[in-house]
């Protein structure tokens, strides 16, 4: 499925200062959220995240999501209340090959003596704009009953 990704979101996710959180379900269905600094859009408009720890719980859960066709979610948040939730389907985990090697070399150049467990790729299925201004504007328009009385009195 091809989802239109705005330039605003592309810029945000590729911004090193943005907060990026991966949410995956455990084997028992409990959500696990972890900060993941190495989350990017790739040239195919999929999300790519670099997993640095072979034994991380998020990597195990992401792998399970791939095997059992489960969804994962990314929360991307930046300055001025800009925030998006991206829901997708894991489609690939690379542990070797040209792309893996390129990412591994780049990662070591950037971070030093670290490992790369995998390049995890997610196909985007839905993008939700959770930015405060957007949500507030929607609420004001669609749910005027939610307005507090002190604001109505003005």
C-alpha atoms as a PDB file:
ATOM      1  CA  UNK A   1       0.000   0.000   0.000  1.00  0.00           C
ATOM      2  CA  UNK A   2       1.354   3.404  -0.918  1.00  0.00           C
ATOM      3  CA  UNK A   3       0.608   6.179   1.544  1.00  0.00           C
ATOM      4  CA  UNK A   4       1.320   9.812   0.718  1.00  0.00           C
ATOM      5  CA  UNK A   5       4.010  11.093   3.063  1.00  0.00           C
ATOM      6  CA  UNK A   6       4.083  14.866   3.454  1.00  0.00           C
ATOM      7  CA  UNK A   7       7.337  16.758   3.195  1.00  0.00           C
ATOM      8  CA  UNK A   8       6.696  18.012   6.732  1.00  0.00           C
ATOM      9  CA  UNK A   9       6.736  14.423   8.032  1.00  0.00           C
ATOM     10  CA  UNK A  10       9.751  13.473   5.890  1.00  0.00           C
ATOM     11  CA  UNK A  11      11.697  16.405   7.313  1.00  0.00           C
ATOM     12  CA  UNK A  12      10.621  15.554  10.854  1.00  0.00           C
ATOM     13  CA  UNK A  13      11.528  11.871  10.753  1.00  0.00           C
ATOM     14  CA  UNK A  14      14.892  12.609   9.143  1.00  0.00           C
ATOM     15  CA  UNK A  15      15.640  15.277  11.786  1.00  0.00           C
ATOM     16  CA  UNK A  16      18.195  13.980  14.291  1.00  0.00           C
ATOM     17  CA  UNK A  17      16.580  16.087  17.050  1.00  0.00           C
ATOM     18  CA  UNK A  18      13.122  14.506  16.657  1.00  0.00           C
ATOM     19  CA  UNK A  19      11.937  11.979  19.213  1.00  0.00           C
ATOM     20  CA  UNK A  20      11.241   8.611  17.576  1.00  0.00           C
ATOM     21  CA  UNK A  21       9.495   5.809  19.422  1.00  0.00           C
ATOM     22  CA  UNK A  22       8.828   2.282  18.156  1.00  0.00           C
ATOM     23  CA  UNK A  23       5.811   0.485  19.630  1.00  0.00           C
ATOM     24  CA  UNK A  24       5.520  -3.298  19.206  1.00  0.00           C
ATOM     25  CA  UNK A  25       3.427  -5.929  20.939  1.00  0.00           C
ATOM     26  CA  UNK A  26       4.974  -8.602  23.122  1.00  0.00           C
ATOM     27  CA  UNK A  27       4.105 -12.267  22.775  1.00  0.00           C
ATOM     28  CA  UNK A  28       1.364 -11.750  25.369  1.00  0.00           C
ATOM     29  CA  UNK A  29      -0.007  -8.627  23.657  1.00  0.00           C
ATOM     30  CA  UNK A  30       1.529  -6.032  25.972  1.00  0.00           C
ATOM     31  CA  UNK A  31       2.726  -2.906  24.116  1.00  0.00           C
ATOM     32  CA  UNK A  32       6.439  -2.147  24.401  1.00  0.00           C
ATOM     33  CA  UNK A  33       7.620   1.356  23.513  1.00  0.00           C
ATOM     34  CA  UNK A  34      11.300   2.135  22.968  1.00  0.00           C
ATOM     35  CA  UNK A  35      13.155   5.212  21.805  1.00  0.00           C
ATOM     36  CA  UNK A  36      14.878   4.514  18.496  1.00  0.00           C
ATOM     37  CA  UNK A  37      17.175   7.249  17.237  1.00  0.00           C
ATOM     38  CA  UNK A  38      17.946   5.553  13.917  1.00  0.00           C
ATOM     39  CA  UNK A  39      14.540   5.755  12.240  1.00  0.00           C
ATOM     40  CA  UNK A  40      14.364   7.105   8.684  1.00  0.00           C
ATOM     41  CA  UNK A  41      12.362   7.066   5.481  1.00  0.00           C
ATOM     42  CA  UNK A  42      14.021   5.069   2.755  1.00  0.00           C
ATOM     43  CA  UNK A  43      13.840   5.655  -0.993  1.00  0.00           C
ATOM     44  CA  UNK A  44      10.770   3.371  -1.241  1.00  0.00           C
ATOM     45  CA  UNK A  45       8.818   5.561   1.251  1.00  0.00           C
ATOM     46  CA  UNK A  46       9.028   2.814   3.880  1.00  0.00           C
ATOM     47  CA  UNK A  47      10.277   3.319   7.409  1.00  0.00           C
ATOM     48  CA  UNK A  48      13.674   1.902   8.155  1.00  0.00           C
ATOM     49  CA  UNK A  49      15.038   1.540  11.638  1.00  0.00           C
ATOM     50  CA  UNK A  50      18.470   0.313  12.594  1.00  0.00           C
ATOM     51  CA  UNK A  51      18.424  -2.151  15.469  1.00  0.00           C
ATOM     52  CA  UNK A  52      21.702  -1.987  17.354  1.00  0.00           C
ATOM     53  CA  UNK A  53      21.125  -4.716  19.942  1.00  0.00           C
ATOM     54  CA  UNK A  54      20.799  -8.387  18.966  1.00  0.00           C
ATOM     55  CA  UNK A  55      18.996  -9.227  22.194  1.00  0.00           C
ATOM     56  CA  UNK A  56      16.675  -6.233  22.526  1.00  0.00           C
ATOM     57  CA  UNK A  57      13.060  -6.980  23.330  1.00  0.00           C
ATOM     58  CA  UNK A  58      11.866  -4.579  20.646  1.00  0.00           C
ATOM     59  CA  UNK A  59      13.882  -6.513  18.017  1.00  0.00           C
ATOM     60  CA  UNK A  60      12.358  -9.809  19.186  1.00  0.00           C
ATOM     61  CA  UNK A  61       8.869  -8.289  19.101  1.00  0.00           C
ATOM     62  CA  UNK A  62       9.445  -6.678  15.697  1.00  0.00           C
ATOM     63  CA  UNK A  63      10.569 -10.059  14.363  1.00  0.00           C
ATOM     64  CA  UNK A  64       7.461 -11.696  15.813  1.00  0.00           C
ATOM     65  CA  UNK A  65       5.331  -8.989  14.186  1.00  0.00           C
ATOM     66  CA  UNK A  66       6.924  -9.804  10.829  1.00  0.00           C
ATOM     67  CA  UNK A  67       6.429 -13.557  11.230  1.00  0.00           C
ATOM     68  CA  UNK A  68       2.820 -13.337  12.409  1.00  0.00           C
ATOM     69  CA  UNK A  69       1.667 -10.402  10.264  1.00  0.00           C
ATOM     70  CA  UNK A  70       1.153  -7.965  13.173  1.00  0.00           C
ATOM     71  CA  UNK A  71       1.251  -4.179  13.019  1.00  0.00           C
ATOM     72  CA  UNK A  72       3.867  -1.907  14.556  1.00  0.00           C
ATOM     73  CA  UNK A  73       3.678   1.796  15.254  1.00  0.00           C
ATOM     74  CA  UNK A  74       6.120   4.675  15.318  1.00  0.00           C
ATOM     75  CA  UNK A  75       5.558   7.935  17.162  1.00  0.00           C
ATOM     76  CA  UNK A  76       7.560  10.816  15.720  1.00  0.00           C
ATOM     77  CA  UNK A  77       7.556  14.078  17.658  1.00  0.00           C
ATOM     78  CA  UNK A  78       9.330  17.367  17.091  1.00  0.00           C
ATOM     79  CA  UNK A  79       9.281  21.019  17.991  1.00  0.00           C
ATOM     80  CA  UNK A  80       6.155  23.168  18.294  1.00  0.00           C
ATOM     81  CA  UNK A  81       3.887  20.233  19.111  1.00  0.00           C
ATOM     82  CA  UNK A  82       4.442  18.529  15.767  1.00  0.00           C
ATOM     83  CA  UNK A  83       3.611  14.836  16.220  1.00  0.00           C
ATOM     84  CA  UNK A  84       2.695  11.909  13.967  1.00  0.00           C
ATOM     85  CA  UNK A  85       1.791   8.295  14.580  1.00  0.00           C
ATOM     86  CA  UNK A  86       2.729   5.950  11.763  1.00  0.00           C
ATOM     87  CA  UNK A  87       1.137   2.516  11.677  1.00  0.00           C
ATOM     88  CA  UNK A  88       2.621  -0.113   9.454  1.00  0.00           C
ATOM     89  CA  UNK A  89       3.448  -3.682   8.680  1.00  0.00           C
ATOM     90  CA  UNK A  90       6.978  -5.078   9.012  1.00  0.00           C
ATOM     91  CA  UNK A  91       8.024  -6.353   5.588  1.00  0.00           C
ATOM     92  CA  UNK A  92      11.711  -7.134   5.900  1.00  0.00           C
ATOM     93  CA  UNK A  93      14.576  -7.628   8.324  1.00  0.00           C
ATOM     94  CA  UNK A  94      18.030  -7.456   6.757  1.00  0.00           C
ATOM     95  CA  UNK A  95      21.000  -9.034   8.525  1.00  0.00           C
ATOM     96  CA  UNK A  96      23.351  -9.149   5.522  1.00  0.00           C
ATOM     97  CA  UNK A  97      23.696  -7.895   1.969  1.00  0.00           C
ATOM     98  CA  UNK A  98      24.624  -4.596   0.309  1.00  0.00           C
ATOM     99  CA  UNK A  99      22.069  -2.371   2.099  1.00  0.00           C
ATOM    100  CA  UNK A 100      22.888  -3.890   5.483  1.00  0.00           C
ATOM    101  CA  UNK A 101      26.618  -3.411   4.864  1.00  0.00           C
ATOM    102  CA  UNK A 102      26.129   0.206   3.764  1.00  0.00           C
ATOM    103  CA  UNK A 103      24.092   0.977   6.906  1.00  0.00           C
ATOM    104  CA  UNK A 104      26.586  -0.869   9.118  1.00  0.00           C
ATOM    105  CA  UNK A 105      29.540   1.108   7.772  1.00  0.00           C
ATOM    106  CA  UNK A 106      27.633   4.402   8.091  1.00  0.00           C
ATOM    107  CA  UNK A 107      26.551   3.583  11.626  1.00  0.00           C
ATOM    108  CA  UNK A 108      30.108   2.779  12.738  1.00  0.00           C
ATOM    109  CA  UNK A 109      31.363   6.011  11.147  1.00  0.00           C
ATOM    110  CA  UNK A 110      28.742   7.943  13.084  1.00  0.00           C
ATOM    111  CA  UNK A 111      28.732   6.136  16.454  1.00  0.00           C
ATOM    112  CA  UNK A 112      32.087   4.371  16.622  1.00  0.00           C
ATOM    113  CA  UNK A 113      32.593   0.803  17.802  1.00  0.00           C
ATOM    114  CA  UNK A 114      28.989  -0.452  17.744  1.00  0.00           C
ATOM    115  CA  UNK A 115      27.190  -3.367  16.129  1.00  0.00           C
ATOM    116  CA  UNK A 116      24.218  -3.420  13.807  1.00  0.00           C
ATOM    117  CA  UNK A 117      21.866  -6.301  14.523  1.00  0.00           C
ATOM    118  CA  UNK A 118      19.494  -5.577  11.639  1.00  0.00           C
ATOM    119  CA  UNK A 119      17.914  -3.126   9.271  1.00  0.00           C
ATOM    120  CA  UNK A 120      14.182  -3.398   9.974  1.00  0.00           C
ATOM    121  CA  UNK A 121      11.803  -2.179   7.280  1.00  0.00           C
ATOM    122  CA  UNK A 122       8.134  -1.285   7.772  1.00  0.00           C
ATOM    123  CA  UNK A 123       5.604  -0.532   5.053  1.00  0.00           C
ATOM    124  CA  UNK A 124       3.446   2.430   6.041  1.00  0.00           C
ATOM    125  CA  UNK A 125      -0.292   1.753   6.146  1.00  0.00           C
ATOM    126  CA  UNK A 126      -1.585   4.816   7.976  1.00  0.00           C
ATOM    127  CA  UNK A 127      -0.332   8.199   9.121  1.00  0.00           C
ATOM    128  CA  UNK A 128      -2.140  10.062  11.874  1.00  0.00           C
ATOM    129  CA  UNK A 129      -1.338  13.717  12.512  1.00  0.00           C
ATOM    130  CA  UNK A 130      -1.366  13.985  16.321  1.00  0.00           C
ATOM    131  CA  UNK A 131      -0.052  17.540  16.393  1.00  0.00           C
ATOM    132  CA  UNK A 132      -1.747  19.556  19.111  1.00  0.00           C
ATOM    133  CA  UNK A 133      -2.777  22.399  16.827  1.00  0.00           C
ATOM    134  CA  UNK A 134      -4.343  19.984  14.349  1.00  0.00           C
ATOM    135  CA  UNK A 135      -6.209  18.031  17.041  1.00  0.00           C
ATOM    136  CA  UNK A 136      -7.396  21.229  18.764  1.00  0.00           C
ATOM    137  CA  UNK A 137      -8.665  22.669  15.480  1.00  0.00           C
ATOM    138  CA  UNK A 138     -10.559  19.419  14.753  1.00  0.00           C
ATOM    139  CA  UNK A 139     -12.083  19.390  18.229  1.00  0.00           C
ATOM    140  CA  UNK A 140     -13.168  23.030  17.967  1.00  0.00           C
ATOM    141  CA  UNK A 141     -14.837  22.326  14.629  1.00  0.00           C
ATOM    142  CA  UNK A 142     -16.328  18.868  15.210  1.00  0.00           C
ATOM    143  CA  UNK A 143     -16.999  18.852  18.962  1.00  0.00           C
ATOM    144  CA  UNK A 144     -17.885  22.394  20.073  1.00  0.00           C
ATOM    145  CA  UNK A 145     -19.641  20.908  23.112  1.00  0.00           C
ATOM    146  CA  UNK A 146     -16.194  20.126  24.552  1.00  0.00           C
ATOM    147  CA  UNK A 147     -15.403  23.835  24.912  1.00  0.00           C
ATOM    148  CA  UNK A 148     -15.134  24.836  28.585  1.00  0.00           C
ATOM    149  CA  UNK A 149     -17.682  27.265  29.920  1.00  0.00           C
ATOM    150  CA  UNK A 150     -15.139  29.978  30.684  1.00  0.00           C
ATOM    151  CA  UNK A 151     -14.201  30.051  26.999  1.00  0.00           C
ATOM    152  CA  UNK A 152     -17.857  30.180  25.946  1.00  0.00           C
ATOM    153  CA  UNK A 153     -18.498  33.170  28.237  1.00  0.00           C
ATOM    154  CA  UNK A 154     -15.986  35.329  26.356  1.00  0.00           C
END
